Amino acid sequence: FETAATLPVSYSTAWRALISRARV
């Protein structure tokens, strides 16, 4: 649960920022 709880805001935000928006 602790690991899963680290993911929602931080990792989804970074994913969209780099993969979708900045097109790394």
PDB file of all heavy atoms in Angstrom:
ATOM      1  N   PHE A   1       0.831  -1.199   0.000  1.00  0.00           N
ATOM      2  CA  PHE A   1       0.000   0.000   0.000  1.00  0.00           C
ATOM      3  C   PHE A   1       0.867   1.251   0.000  1.00  0.00           C
ATOM      4  O   PHE A   1       0.547   2.239  -0.664  1.00  0.00           O
ATOM      5  CB  PHE A   1      -0.924   0.006   1.222  1.00  0.00           C
ATOM      6  CG  PHE A   1      -2.041  -1.001   1.148  1.00  0.00           C
ATOM      7  CD1 PHE A   1      -2.200  -1.944   2.148  1.00  0.00           C
ATOM      8  CD2 PHE A   1      -2.932  -1.003   0.102  1.00  0.00           C
ATOM      9  CE1 PHE A   1      -3.226  -2.867   2.100  1.00  0.00           C
ATOM     10  CE2 PHE A   1      -3.968  -1.922   0.030  1.00  0.00           C
ATOM     11  CZ  PHE A   1      -4.120  -2.863   1.028  1.00  0.00           C
ATOM     12  N   GLU A   2       1.962   1.224   0.737  1.00  0.00           N
ATOM     13  CA  GLU A   2       2.839   2.395   0.807  1.00  0.00           C
ATOM     14  C   GLU A   2       3.418   2.738  -0.564  1.00  0.00           C
ATOM     15  O   GLU A   2       3.454   3.904  -0.959  1.00  0.00           O
ATOM     16  CB  GLU A   2       3.977   2.149   1.813  1.00  0.00           C
ATOM     17  CG  GLU A   2       3.529   2.092   3.256  1.00  0.00           C
ATOM     18  CD  GLU A   2       2.987   0.728   3.676  1.00  0.00           C
ATOM     19  OE1 GLU A   2       2.968  -0.205   2.834  1.00  0.00           O
ATOM     20  OE2 GLU A   2       2.569   0.588   4.835  1.00  0.00           O
ATOM     21  N   THR A   3       3.863   1.712  -1.291  1.00  0.00           N
ATOM     22  CA  THR A   3       4.408   1.958  -2.629  1.00  0.00           C
ATOM     23  C   THR A   3       3.329   2.449  -3.576  1.00  0.00           C
ATOM     24  O   THR A   3       3.535   3.410  -4.329  1.00  0.00           O
ATOM     25  CB  THR A   3       5.053   0.680  -3.180  1.00  0.00           C
ATOM     26  OG1 THR A   3       6.165   0.313  -2.353  1.00  0.00           O
ATOM     27  CG2 THR A   3       5.547   0.889  -4.606  1.00  0.00           C
ATOM     28  N   ALA A   4       2.165   1.814  -3.548  1.00  0.00           N
ATOM     29  CA  ALA A   4       1.070   2.218  -4.433  1.00  0.00           C
ATOM     30  C   ALA A   4       0.652   3.658  -4.170  1.00  0.00           C
ATOM     31  O   ALA A   4       0.317   4.414  -5.101  1.00  0.00           O
ATOM     32  CB  ALA A   4      -0.114   1.277  -4.252  1.00  0.00           C
ATOM     33  N   ALA A   5       0.687   4.073  -2.903  1.00  0.00           N
ATOM     34  CA  ALA A   5       0.252   5.426  -2.555  1.00  0.00           C
ATOM     35  C   ALA A   5       1.207   6.506  -3.054  1.00  0.00           C
ATOM     36  O   ALA A   5       0.834   7.679  -3.124  1.00  0.00           O
ATOM     37  CB  ALA A   5       0.079   5.550  -1.043  1.00  0.00           C
ATOM     38  N   THR A   6       2.432   6.156  -3.405  1.00  0.00           N
ATOM     39  CA  THR A   6       3.376   7.160  -3.925  1.00  0.00           C
ATOM     40  C   THR A   6       3.061   7.557  -5.367  1.00  0.00           C
ATOM     41  O   THR A   6       3.565   8.574  -5.849  1.00  0.00           O
ATOM     42  CB  THR A   6       4.822   6.632  -3.904  1.00  0.00           C
ATOM     43  OG1 THR A   6       4.940   5.527  -4.812  1.00  0.00           O
ATOM     44  CG2 THR A   6       5.235   6.199  -2.506  1.00  0.00           C
ATOM     45  N   LEU A   7       2.240   6.770  -6.054  1.00  0.00           N
ATOM     46  CA  LEU A   7       2.130   6.891  -7.500  1.00  0.00           C
ATOM     47  C   LEU A   7       1.116   7.901  -8.042  1.00  0.00           C
ATOM     48  O   LEU A   7       1.408   8.576  -9.037  1.00  0.00           O
ATOM     49  CB  LEU A   7       1.811   5.512  -8.105  1.00  0.00           C
ATOM     50  CG  LEU A   7       2.856   4.416  -7.877  1.00  0.00           C
ATOM     51  CD1 LEU A   7       2.315   3.067  -8.346  1.00  0.00           C
ATOM     52  CD2 LEU A   7       4.155   4.749  -8.597  1.00  0.00           C
ATOM     53  N   PRO A   8      -0.081   8.028  -7.488  1.00  0.00           N
ATOM     54  CA  PRO A   8      -1.148   8.746  -8.192  1.00  0.00           C
ATOM     55  C   PRO A   8      -0.816  10.151  -8.658  1.00  0.00           C
ATOM     56  O   PRO A   8      -0.854  10.424  -9.860  1.00  0.00           O
ATOM     57  CB  PRO A   8      -2.301   8.731  -7.176  1.00  0.00           C
ATOM     58  CG  PRO A   8      -2.092   7.479  -6.404  1.00  0.00           C
ATOM     59  CD  PRO A   8      -0.594   7.377  -6.258  1.00  0.00           C
ATOM     60  N   VAL A   9      -0.508  11.073  -7.772  1.00  0.00           N
ATOM     61  CA  VAL A   9      -0.283  12.456  -8.192  1.00  0.00           C
ATOM     62  C   VAL A   9       1.075  12.612  -8.866  1.00  0.00           C
ATOM     63  O   VAL A   9       1.178  13.102  -9.998  1.00  0.00           O
ATOM     64  CB  VAL A   9      -0.414  13.421  -7.000  1.00  0.00           C
ATOM     65  CG1 VAL A   9       0.051  14.823  -7.392  1.00  0.00           C
ATOM     66  CG2 VAL A   9      -1.856  13.472  -6.512  1.00  0.00           C
ATOM     67  N   SER A  10       2.138  12.203  -8.204  1.00  0.00           N
ATOM     68  CA  SER A  10       3.488  12.464  -8.712  1.00  0.00           C
ATOM     69  C   SER A  10       3.776  11.763 -10.029  1.00  0.00           C
ATOM     70  O   SER A  10       4.237  12.387 -10.998  1.00  0.00           O
ATOM     71  CB  SER A  10       4.532  12.045  -7.661  1.00  0.00           C
ATOM     72  OG  SER A  10       4.511  12.913  -6.565  1.00  0.00           O
ATOM     73  N   TYR A  11       3.531  10.481 -10.075  1.00  0.00           N
ATOM     74  CA  TYR A  11       3.913   9.731 -11.274  1.00  0.00           C
ATOM     75  C   TYR A  11       2.976   9.976 -12.452  1.00  0.00           C
ATOM     76  O   TYR A  11       3.420  10.005 -13.601  1.00  0.00           O
ATOM     77  CB  TYR A  11       4.044   8.238 -10.948  1.00  0.00           C
ATOM     78  CG  TYR A  11       5.379   7.920 -10.313  1.00  0.00           C
ATOM     79  CD1 TYR A  11       5.594   8.143  -8.964  1.00  0.00           C
ATOM     80  CD2 TYR A  11       6.451   7.460 -11.078  1.00  0.00           C
ATOM     81  CE1 TYR A  11       6.829   7.900  -8.372  1.00  0.00           C
ATOM     82  CE2 TYR A  11       7.686   7.212 -10.507  1.00  0.00           C
ATOM     83  CZ  TYR A  11       7.873   7.433  -9.152  1.00  0.00           C
ATOM     84  OH  TYR A  11       9.099   7.208  -8.586  1.00  0.00           O
ATOM     85  N   SER A  12       1.689  10.192 -12.184  1.00  0.00           N
ATOM     86  CA  SER A  12       0.795  10.499 -13.303  1.00  0.00           C
ATOM     87  C   SER A  12       1.089  11.891 -13.857  1.00  0.00           C
ATOM     88  O   SER A  12       1.061  12.106 -15.075  1.00  0.00           O
ATOM     89  CB  SER A  12      -0.673  10.388 -12.870  1.00  0.00           C
ATOM     90  OG  SER A  12      -1.030  11.409 -11.952  1.00  0.00           O
ATOM     91  N   THR A  13       1.393  12.842 -12.976  1.00  0.00           N
ATOM     92  CA  THR A  13       1.734  14.190 -13.431  1.00  0.00           C
ATOM     93  C   THR A  13       3.018  14.176 -14.261  1.00  0.00           C
ATOM     94  O   THR A  13       3.088  14.795 -15.342  1.00  0.00           O
ATOM     95  CB  THR A  13       1.902  15.128 -12.229  1.00  0.00           C
ATOM     96  OG1 THR A  13       0.659  15.219 -11.526  1.00  0.00           O
ATOM     97  CG2 THR A  13       2.326  16.516 -12.674  1.00  0.00           C
ATOM     98  N   ALA A  14       4.043  13.489 -13.768  1.00  0.00           N
ATOM     99  CA  ALA A  14       5.306  13.421 -14.508  1.00  0.00           C
ATOM    100  C   ALA A  14       5.142  12.666 -15.823  1.00  0.00           C
ATOM    101  O   ALA A  14       5.766  13.013 -16.836  1.00  0.00           O
ATOM    102  CB  ALA A  14       6.375  12.755 -13.640  1.00  0.00           C
ATOM    103  N   TRP A  15       4.309  11.629 -15.814  1.00  0.00           N
ATOM    104  CA  TRP A  15       4.070  10.847 -17.038  1.00  0.00           C
ATOM    105  C   TRP A  15       3.452  11.719 -18.121  1.00  0.00           C
ATOM    106  O   TRP A  15       3.926  11.758 -19.254  1.00  0.00           O
ATOM    107  CB  TRP A  15       3.164   9.661 -16.719  1.00  0.00           C
ATOM    108  CG  TRP A  15       2.971   8.716 -17.872  1.00  0.00           C
ATOM    109  CD1 TRP A  15       2.066   8.834 -18.895  1.00  0.00           C
ATOM    110  CD2 TRP A  15       3.726   7.522 -18.139  1.00  0.00           C
ATOM    111  NE1 TRP A  15       2.199   7.797 -19.772  1.00  0.00           N
ATOM    112  CE2 TRP A  15       3.202   6.974 -19.340  1.00  0.00           C
ATOM    113  CE3 TRP A  15       4.758   6.874 -17.467  1.00  0.00           C
ATOM    114  CZ2 TRP A  15       3.703   5.782 -19.878  1.00  0.00           C
ATOM    115  CZ3 TRP A  15       5.264   5.697 -18.015  1.00  0.00           C
ATOM    116  CH2 TRP A  15       4.728   5.174 -19.198  1.00  0.00           C
ATOM    117  N   ARG A  16       2.392  12.435 -17.768  1.00  0.00           N
ATOM    118  CA  ARG A  16       1.752  13.305 -18.759  1.00  0.00           C
ATOM    119  C   ARG A  16       2.701  14.416 -19.198  1.00  0.00           C
ATOM    120  O   ARG A  16       2.788  14.734 -20.392  1.00  0.00           O
ATOM    121  CB  ARG A  16       0.472  13.908 -18.191  1.00  0.00           C
ATOM    122  CG  ARG A  16      -0.246  14.879 -19.155  1.00  0.00           C
ATOM    123  CD  ARG A  16      -1.586  15.333 -18.592  1.00  0.00           C
ATOM    124  NE  ARG A  16      -2.225  16.338 -19.420  1.00  0.00           N
ATOM    125  CZ  ARG A  16      -2.973  16.075 -20.493  1.00  0.00           C
ATOM    126  NH1 ARG A  16      -3.174  14.816 -20.855  1.00  0.00           N
ATOM    127  NH2 ARG A  16      -3.535  17.045 -21.194  1.00  0.00           N
ATOM    128  N   ALA A  17       3.413  14.999 -18.246  1.00  0.00           N
ATOM    129  CA  ALA A  17       4.321  16.099 -18.562  1.00  0.00           C
ATOM    130  C   ALA A  17       5.363  15.688 -19.599  1.00  0.00           C
ATOM    131  O   ALA A  17       5.593  16.405 -20.577  1.00  0.00           O
ATOM    132  CB  ALA A  17       5.007  16.595 -17.295  1.00  0.00           C
ATOM    133  N   LEU A  18       5.982  14.543 -19.395  1.00  0.00           N
ATOM    134  CA  LEU A  18       7.082  14.129 -20.276  1.00  0.00           C
ATOM    135  C   LEU A  18       6.616  13.350 -21.500  1.00  0.00           C
ATOM    136  O   LEU A  18       7.042  13.644 -22.623  1.00  0.00           O
ATOM    137  CB  LEU A  18       8.080  13.280 -19.481  1.00  0.00           C
ATOM    138  CG  LEU A  18       9.107  14.073 -18.688  1.00  0.00           C
ATOM    139  CD1 LEU A  18       9.794  13.198 -17.660  1.00  0.00           C
ATOM    140  CD2 LEU A  18      10.133  14.714 -19.617  1.00  0.00           C
ATOM    141  N   ILE A  19       5.762  12.363 -21.283  1.00  0.00           N
ATOM    142  CA  ILE A  19       5.376  11.472 -22.393  1.00  0.00           C
ATOM    143  C   ILE A  19       4.400  12.145 -23.347  1.00  0.00           C
ATOM    144  O   ILE A  19       4.604  12.135 -24.567  1.00  0.00           O
ATOM    145  CB  ILE A  19       4.774  10.165 -21.842  1.00  0.00           C
ATOM    146  CG1 ILE A  19       5.757   9.456 -20.909  1.00  0.00           C
ATOM    147  CG2 ILE A  19       4.354   9.249 -22.999  1.00  0.00           C
ATOM    148  CD1 ILE A  19       7.051   9.053 -21.555  1.00  0.00           C
ATOM    149  N   SER A  20       3.333  12.752 -22.794  1.00  0.00           N
ATOM    150  CA  SER A  20       2.275  13.298 -23.646  1.00  0.00           C
ATOM    151  C   SER A  20       2.519  14.750 -24.045  1.00  0.00           C
ATOM    152  O   SER A  20       2.379  15.111 -25.214  1.00  0.00           O
ATOM    153  CB  SER A  20       0.925  13.192 -22.932  1.00  0.00           C
ATOM    154  OG  SER A  20       0.630  11.861 -22.597  1.00  0.00           O
ATOM    155  N   ARG A  21       2.872  15.595 -23.091  1.00  0.00           N
ATOM    156  CA  ARG A  21       2.951  17.021 -23.357  1.00  0.00           C
ATOM    157  C   ARG A  21       4.303  17.432 -23.949  1.00  0.00           C
ATOM    158  O   ARG A  21       4.352  18.134 -24.957  1.00  0.00           O
ATOM    159  CB  ARG A  21       2.676  17.805 -22.067  1.00  0.00           C
ATOM    160  CG  ARG A  21       1.310  17.512 -21.447  1.00  0.00           C
ATOM    161  CD  ARG A  21       0.170  18.070 -22.300  1.00  0.00           C
ATOM    162  NE  ARG A  21       0.091  19.517 -22.119  1.00  0.00           N
ATOM    163  CZ  ARG A  21      -0.315  20.360 -23.065  1.00  0.00           C
ATOM    164  NH1 ARG A  21      -0.634  19.918 -24.272  1.00  0.00           N
ATOM    165  NH2 ARG A  21      -0.386  21.655 -22.817  1.00  0.00           N
ATOM    166  N   ALA A  22       5.398  17.016 -23.338  1.00  0.00           N
ATOM    167  CA  ALA A  22       6.721  17.415 -23.844  1.00  0.00           C
ATOM    168  C   ALA A  22       7.248  16.482 -24.931  1.00  0.00           C
ATOM    169  O   ALA A  22       8.241  16.791 -25.580  1.00  0.00           O
ATOM    170  CB  ALA A  22       7.725  17.494 -22.702  1.00  0.00           C
ATOM    171  N   ARG A  23       6.620  15.330 -25.104  1.00  0.00           N
ATOM    172  CA  ARG A  23       6.934  14.385 -26.186  1.00  0.00           C
ATOM    173  C   ARG A  23       8.406  13.952 -26.153  1.00  0.00           C
ATOM    174  O   ARG A  23       9.115  14.021 -27.156  1.00  0.00           O
ATOM    175  CB  ARG A  23       6.593  15.009 -27.552  1.00  0.00           C
ATOM    176  CG  ARG A  23       5.210  15.623 -27.632  1.00  0.00           C
ATOM    177  CD  ARG A  23       4.931  16.290 -28.961  1.00  0.00           C
ATOM    178  NE  ARG A  23       5.906  17.301 -29.308  1.00  0.00           N
ATOM    179  CZ  ARG A  23       5.899  18.553 -28.835  1.00  0.00           C
ATOM    180  NH1 ARG A  23       4.972  18.940 -27.972  1.00  0.00           N
ATOM    181  NH2 ARG A  23       6.809  19.420 -29.231  1.00  0.00           N
ATOM    182  N   VAL A  24       8.864  13.523 -24.990  1.00  0.00           N
ATOM    183  CA  VAL A  24      10.253  13.129 -24.834  1.00  0.00           C
ATOM    184  C   VAL A  24      10.590  11.958 -25.756  1.00  0.00           C
ATOM    185  O   VAL A  24       9.782  11.053 -25.955  1.00  0.00           O
ATOM    186  CB  VAL A  24      10.550  12.764 -23.365  1.00  0.00           C
ATOM    187  CG1 VAL A  24       9.754  11.557 -22.902  1.00  0.00           C
ATOM    188  CG2 VAL A  24      12.047  12.540 -23.155  1.00  0.00           C
TER     189      VAL A  24
END
